Amino acid sequence: MGGQKQYNKSGGFSQYLYHQVGETIAELKEDFEGAVDDYLAMCEAEGITPRKSYTGTFNIRISPETHNRIAMLASAEGVSINTFVRQTLDNRVASCL
């Protein structure tokens, strides 16, 4: 492409794959916005609810007793509370699928 640097990125909306290609950041942004528009139009045409993206973080409220138990269990396993809760949730979700 004329010796200019090309930026490429791949990503996905759920199971739908898209590719962005451009010679500038502005072209990548325009291509990405077009991909989002195409995805939303496809969802509407097929009667599919678009998937929401999540950050991977959330806060929950638990009793102090449960918090203490989780801290003790995490410590006994030699992991942080965050790691213990993440692993517990991952295992529970996997068992439901």
C-alpha atoms as a PDB file:
ATOM      1  CA  MET A   1       0.000   0.000   0.000  1.00  0.00           C
ATOM      2  CA  GLY A   2       2.389   2.636  -1.200  1.00  0.00           C
ATOM      3  CA  GLY A   3       4.882   2.118   1.613  1.00  0.00           C
ATOM      4  CA  GLN A   4       2.438   3.416   4.217  1.00  0.00           C
ATOM      5  CA  LYS A   5       1.920   1.530   7.440  1.00  0.00           C
ATOM      6  CA  GLN A   6      -1.214  -0.605   7.458  1.00  0.00           C
ATOM      7  CA  TYR A   7      -3.134  -1.292  10.658  1.00  0.00           C
ATOM      8  CA  ASN A   8      -5.101  -4.497  11.010  1.00  0.00           C
ATOM      9  CA  LYS A   9      -7.306  -5.763  13.776  1.00  0.00           C
ATOM     10  CA  SER A  10      -9.694  -8.684  14.141  1.00  0.00           C
ATOM     11  CA  GLY A  11     -12.470  -9.056  16.634  1.00  0.00           C
ATOM     12  CA  GLY A  12     -15.911 -10.511  16.987  1.00  0.00           C
ATOM     13  CA  PHE A  13     -19.491  -9.772  17.858  1.00  0.00           C
ATOM     14  CA  SER A  14     -20.417 -12.990  19.589  1.00  0.00           C
ATOM     15  CA  GLN A  15     -19.901 -15.668  16.920  1.00  0.00           C
ATOM     16  CA  TYR A  16     -19.734 -13.152  14.058  1.00  0.00           C
ATOM     17  CA  LEU A  17     -16.222 -12.306  12.876  1.00  0.00           C
ATOM     18  CA  TYR A  18     -15.198  -8.990  11.398  1.00  0.00           C
ATOM     19  CA  HIS A  19     -11.903  -7.621  10.146  1.00  0.00           C
ATOM     20  CA  GLN A  20     -10.809  -4.032  10.121  1.00  0.00           C
ATOM     21  CA  VAL A  21      -8.219  -2.842   7.646  1.00  0.00           C
ATOM     22  CA  GLY A  22      -7.047   0.685   7.082  1.00  0.00           C
ATOM     23  CA  GLU A  23      -4.050   2.830   6.410  1.00  0.00           C
ATOM     24  CA  THR A  24      -4.891   5.267   9.196  1.00  0.00           C
ATOM     25  CA  ILE A  25      -6.532   5.209  12.594  1.00  0.00           C
ATOM     26  CA  ALA A  26      -9.417   7.230  11.125  1.00  0.00           C
ATOM     27  CA  GLU A  27      -9.976   4.526   8.467  1.00  0.00           C
ATOM     28  CA  LEU A  28      -9.935   1.817  11.135  1.00  0.00           C
ATOM     29  CA  LYS A  29     -12.477   3.741  13.198  1.00  0.00           C
ATOM     30  CA  GLU A  30     -14.725   4.236  10.167  1.00  0.00           C
ATOM     31  CA  ASP A  31     -14.441   0.545   9.251  1.00  0.00           C
ATOM     32  CA  PHE A  32     -15.228  -0.507  12.829  1.00  0.00           C
ATOM     33  CA  GLU A  33     -18.279   1.747  12.995  1.00  0.00           C
ATOM     34  CA  GLY A  34     -19.465   0.273   9.689  1.00  0.00           C
ATOM     35  CA  ALA A  35     -19.002  -3.252  11.080  1.00  0.00           C
ATOM     36  CA  VAL A  36     -21.099  -2.355  14.129  1.00  0.00           C
ATOM     37  CA  ASP A  37     -23.809  -0.864  11.908  1.00  0.00           C
ATOM     38  CA  ASP A  38     -23.781  -4.000   9.718  1.00  0.00           C
ATOM     39  CA  TYR A  39     -24.003  -6.260  12.784  1.00  0.00           C
ATOM     40  CA  LEU A  40     -26.938  -4.305  14.215  1.00  0.00           C
ATOM     41  CA  ALA A  41     -28.739  -4.318  10.842  1.00  0.00           C
ATOM     42  CA  MET A  42     -28.197  -8.084  10.534  1.00  0.00           C
ATOM     43  CA  CYS A  43     -29.540  -8.627  14.061  1.00  0.00           C
ATOM     44  CA  GLU A  44     -32.625  -6.577  13.271  1.00  0.00           C
ATOM     45  CA  ALA A  45     -33.207  -8.375   9.955  1.00  0.00           C
ATOM     46  CA  GLU A  46     -32.860 -11.802  11.600  1.00  0.00           C
ATOM     47  CA  GLY A  47     -34.790 -10.932  14.763  1.00  0.00           C
ATOM     48  CA  ILE A  48     -31.715 -11.467  16.943  1.00  0.00           C
ATOM     49  CA  THR A  49     -31.078  -9.451  20.082  1.00  0.00           C
ATOM     50  CA  PRO A  50     -27.576  -7.935  19.794  1.00  0.00           C
ATOM     51  CA  ARG A  51     -25.164  -9.124  22.426  1.00  0.00           C
ATOM     52  CA  LYS A  52     -24.090  -6.607  25.014  1.00  0.00           C
ATOM     53  CA  SER A  53     -20.397  -6.337  25.770  1.00  0.00           C
ATOM     54  CA  TYR A  54     -19.248  -6.489  29.372  1.00  0.00           C
ATOM     55  CA  THR A  55     -16.153  -5.164  31.118  1.00  0.00           C
ATOM     56  CA  GLY A  56     -15.545  -8.310  33.150  1.00  0.00           C
ATOM     57  CA  THR A  57     -15.960  -6.529  36.470  1.00  0.00           C
ATOM     58  CA  PHE A  58     -18.967  -6.121  38.742  1.00  0.00           C
ATOM     59  CA  ASN A  59     -19.713  -5.518  42.410  1.00  0.00           C
ATOM     60  CA  ILE A  60     -21.935  -7.708  44.549  1.00  0.00           C
ATOM     61  CA  ARG A  61     -23.251  -7.311  48.078  1.00  0.00           C
ATOM     62  CA  ILE A  62     -22.832 -10.250  50.418  1.00  0.00           C
ATOM     63  CA  SER A  63     -23.122 -10.667  54.146  1.00  0.00           C
ATOM     64  CA  PRO A  64     -20.026 -10.082  56.274  1.00  0.00           C
ATOM     65  CA  GLU A  65     -20.205 -13.746  57.308  1.00  0.00           C
ATOM     66  CA  THR A  66     -20.081 -14.947  53.705  1.00  0.00           C
ATOM     67  CA  HIS A  67     -17.259 -12.502  52.970  1.00  0.00           C
ATOM     68  CA  ASN A  68     -15.322 -13.941  55.912  1.00  0.00           C
ATOM     69  CA  ARG A  69     -15.931 -17.532  54.768  1.00  0.00           C
ATOM     70  CA  ILE A  70     -14.778 -16.701  51.244  1.00  0.00           C
ATOM     71  CA  ALA A  71     -11.643 -15.038  52.627  1.00  0.00           C
ATOM     72  CA  MET A  72     -10.876 -18.119  54.752  1.00  0.00           C
ATOM     73  CA  LEU A  73     -11.457 -20.515  51.841  1.00  0.00           C
ATOM     74  CA  ALA A  74      -9.339 -18.410  49.499  1.00  0.00           C
ATOM     75  CA  SER A  75      -6.541 -18.229  52.046  1.00  0.00           C
ATOM     76  CA  ALA A  76      -6.670 -21.998  52.584  1.00  0.00           C
ATOM     77  CA  GLU A  77      -6.258 -22.456  48.813  1.00  0.00           C
ATOM     78  CA  GLY A  78      -3.463 -19.899  48.685  1.00  0.00           C
ATOM     79  CA  VAL A  79      -5.298 -17.571  46.290  1.00  0.00           C
ATOM     80  CA  SER A  80      -6.805 -14.097  46.478  1.00  0.00           C
ATOM     81  CA  ILE A  81     -10.499 -13.565  47.180  1.00  0.00           C
ATOM     82  CA  ASN A  82     -10.888 -12.349  43.578  1.00  0.00           C
ATOM     83  CA  THR A  83      -9.282 -15.506  42.171  1.00  0.00           C
ATOM     84  CA  PHE A  84     -11.339 -17.737  44.458  1.00  0.00           C
ATOM     85  CA  VAL A  85     -14.628 -16.067  43.479  1.00  0.00           C
ATOM     86  CA  ARG A  86     -13.720 -16.036  39.759  1.00  0.00           C
ATOM     87  CA  GLN A  87     -12.818 -19.741  39.808  1.00  0.00           C
ATOM     88  CA  THR A  88     -15.982 -20.580  41.747  1.00  0.00           C
ATOM     89  CA  LEU A  89     -18.155 -18.658  39.284  1.00  0.00           C
ATOM     90  CA  ASP A  90     -16.335 -20.162  36.280  1.00  0.00           C
ATOM     91  CA  ASN A  91     -16.906 -23.683  37.646  1.00  0.00           C
ATOM     92  CA  ARG A  92     -20.579 -23.015  38.392  1.00  0.00           C
ATOM     93  CA  VAL A  93     -21.263 -21.496  34.983  1.00  0.00           C
ATOM     94  CA  ALA A  94     -19.456 -24.367  33.245  1.00  0.00           C
ATOM     95  CA  SER A  95     -21.579 -26.900  35.127  1.00  0.00           C
ATOM     96  CA  CYS A  96     -24.745 -25.162  33.901  1.00  0.00           C
ATOM     97  CA  LEU A  97     -23.811 -25.360  30.214  1.00  0.00           C
END
